[in-house]
Amino acid sequence: MADLQVLPVGQEVIGKTGLFVLPNFTERPATTYNDAYRDFEVSGDVQNGVRIRVYGLENSDIPKDKGMQKIESLTGLVMTVGSVRSRGKSKDEIVFEAKKMKLAK
């Protein structure tokens, strides 16, 4: 059984002046046990290379192919800390999750 902690955080944890998303992302379709989601790599002036997962394919815009794109709004940001077992060892994994992410046009 994995123990799971969910902490609401503000986007200031990643960047105070602005957040930018890289053009590459991972998209997972819905399965029997999991909802569909997209993983984005986001950078700000506080932290770089932070992974943010947005559940529901309609809740996030797809970034353009060239360069970094500014994030207009990021709602419902939470930090999830859980234990993951891999090859018999247990480690903590931190994932940021957002309810909705809208990119600037």
Protein backbone atom coordinates (compact mmCIF):
# COMPACT_ATOMS: atom_id res chain seq x y z
CA MET A 1 0.00 0.00 0.00
CA ALA A 2 1.41 3.38 -0.96
CA ASP A 3 1.15 6.21 1.51
CA LEU A 4 0.21 9.38 -0.31
CA GLN A 5 0.40 13.02 0.70
CA VAL A 6 -1.26 15.79 -1.27
CA LEU A 7 -0.30 19.40 -0.52
CA PRO A 8 -1.88 22.41 -2.26
CA VAL A 9 0.82 24.81 -3.50
CA GLY A 10 0.91 28.07 -5.40
CA GLN A 11 2.62 28.48 -8.73
CA GLU A 12 5.16 30.75 -6.99
CA VAL A 13 6.91 27.55 -5.90
CA ILE A 14 8.06 27.09 -9.52
CA GLY A 15 8.24 30.68 -10.74
CA LYS A 16 7.34 34.12 -9.40
CA THR A 17 7.52 36.19 -12.58
CA GLY A 18 6.26 33.63 -15.08
CA LEU A 19 6.09 29.98 -16.02
CA PHE A 20 7.15 28.51 -19.35
CA VAL A 21 6.40 25.09 -20.83
CA LEU A 22 8.75 23.16 -23.11
CA PRO A 23 7.30 21.88 -26.42
CA ASN A 24 7.76 18.17 -25.65
CA PHE A 25 5.14 16.41 -23.54
CA THR A 26 3.91 12.90 -22.79
CA GLU A 27 0.28 11.96 -23.39
CA ARG A 28 -1.29 8.84 -21.89
CA PRO A 29 -4.73 7.67 -23.04
CA ALA A 30 -7.39 6.53 -20.60
CA THR A 31 -7.23 2.90 -19.46
CA THR A 32 -9.45 0.75 -17.27
CA TYR A 33 -7.64 1.85 -14.10
CA ASN A 34 -6.27 5.32 -14.95
CA ASP A 35 -7.61 8.56 -16.41
CA ALA A 36 -6.01 10.19 -19.45
CA TYR A 37 -3.32 12.76 -18.68
CA ARG A 38 -0.51 14.84 -20.15
CA ASP A 39 2.89 15.36 -18.54
CA PHE A 40 4.59 18.69 -19.24
CA GLU A 41 8.04 19.97 -18.36
CA VAL A 42 7.74 23.46 -16.89
CA SER A 43 10.44 25.99 -15.97
CA GLY A 44 10.32 29.18 -13.96
CA ASP A 45 12.72 31.58 -12.28
CA VAL A 46 12.69 29.52 -9.04
CA GLN A 47 12.85 25.93 -10.39
CA ASN A 48 13.65 24.42 -13.78
CA GLY A 49 12.58 21.12 -15.28
CA VAL A 50 9.53 20.53 -13.06
CA ARG A 51 7.09 17.88 -14.29
CA ILE A 52 3.41 18.87 -14.11
CA ARG A 53 0.67 16.33 -14.81
CA VAL A 54 -2.74 17.54 -16.02
CA TYR A 55 -5.55 14.96 -15.95
CA GLY A 56 -8.11 15.04 -18.76
CA LEU A 57 -6.95 15.77 -22.30
CA GLU A 58 -9.44 18.65 -22.64
CA ASN A 59 -7.97 20.42 -19.58
CA SER A 60 -4.67 21.42 -21.20
CA ASP A 61 -3.50 23.12 -24.37
CA ILE A 62 -0.85 21.55 -26.59
CA PRO A 63 2.34 23.67 -26.78
CA LYS A 64 3.72 24.81 -30.13
CA ASP A 65 6.64 22.92 -31.63
CA LYS A 66 9.24 25.69 -31.42
CA GLY A 67 10.66 27.18 -28.25
CA MET A 68 9.20 27.69 -24.82
CA GLN A 69 5.66 29.01 -24.45
CA LYS A 70 4.35 31.10 -21.55
CA ILE A 71 1.66 29.63 -19.30
CA GLU A 72 -1.31 31.98 -18.92
CA SER A 73 -3.09 30.18 -16.08
CA LEU A 74 -2.48 27.14 -13.93
CA THR A 75 -5.36 26.15 -11.64
CA GLY A 76 -5.58 23.62 -8.85
CA LEU A 77 -1.84 23.02 -8.46
CA VAL A 78 -1.01 20.37 -5.85
CA MET A 79 2.19 18.57 -4.94
CA THR A 80 1.77 14.82 -4.53
CA VAL A 81 4.35 12.82 -2.59
CA GLY A 82 4.03 9.06 -2.73
CA SER A 83 6.08 5.92 -2.22
CA VAL A 84 6.94 3.96 -5.35
CA ARG A 85 8.45 0.48 -5.41
CA SER A 86 10.93 -0.30 -8.14
CA ARG A 87 13.07 -3.45 -8.29
CA GLY A 88 12.37 -4.25 -4.67
CA LYS A 89 13.36 -0.81 -3.38
CA SER A 90 11.03 1.89 -2.13
CA LYS A 91 11.57 5.54 -3.02
CA ASP A 92 9.59 8.75 -2.71
CA GLU A 93 8.30 10.38 -5.89
CA ILE A 94 7.17 14.00 -6.13
CA VAL A 95 4.68 14.90 -8.86
CA PHE A 96 2.97 18.25 -9.37
CA GLU A 97 -0.63 17.95 -10.59
CA ALA A 98 -2.88 20.68 -11.96
CA LYS A 99 -6.58 20.65 -12.76
CA LYS A 100 -6.23 22.94 -15.77
CA MET A 101 -3.41 24.57 -17.72
CA LYS A 102 -3.96 27.29 -20.31
CA LEU A 103 -1.18 28.60 -22.53
CA ALA A 104 -0.77 32.19 -23.72
CA LYS A 105 -1.47 32.72 -27.41
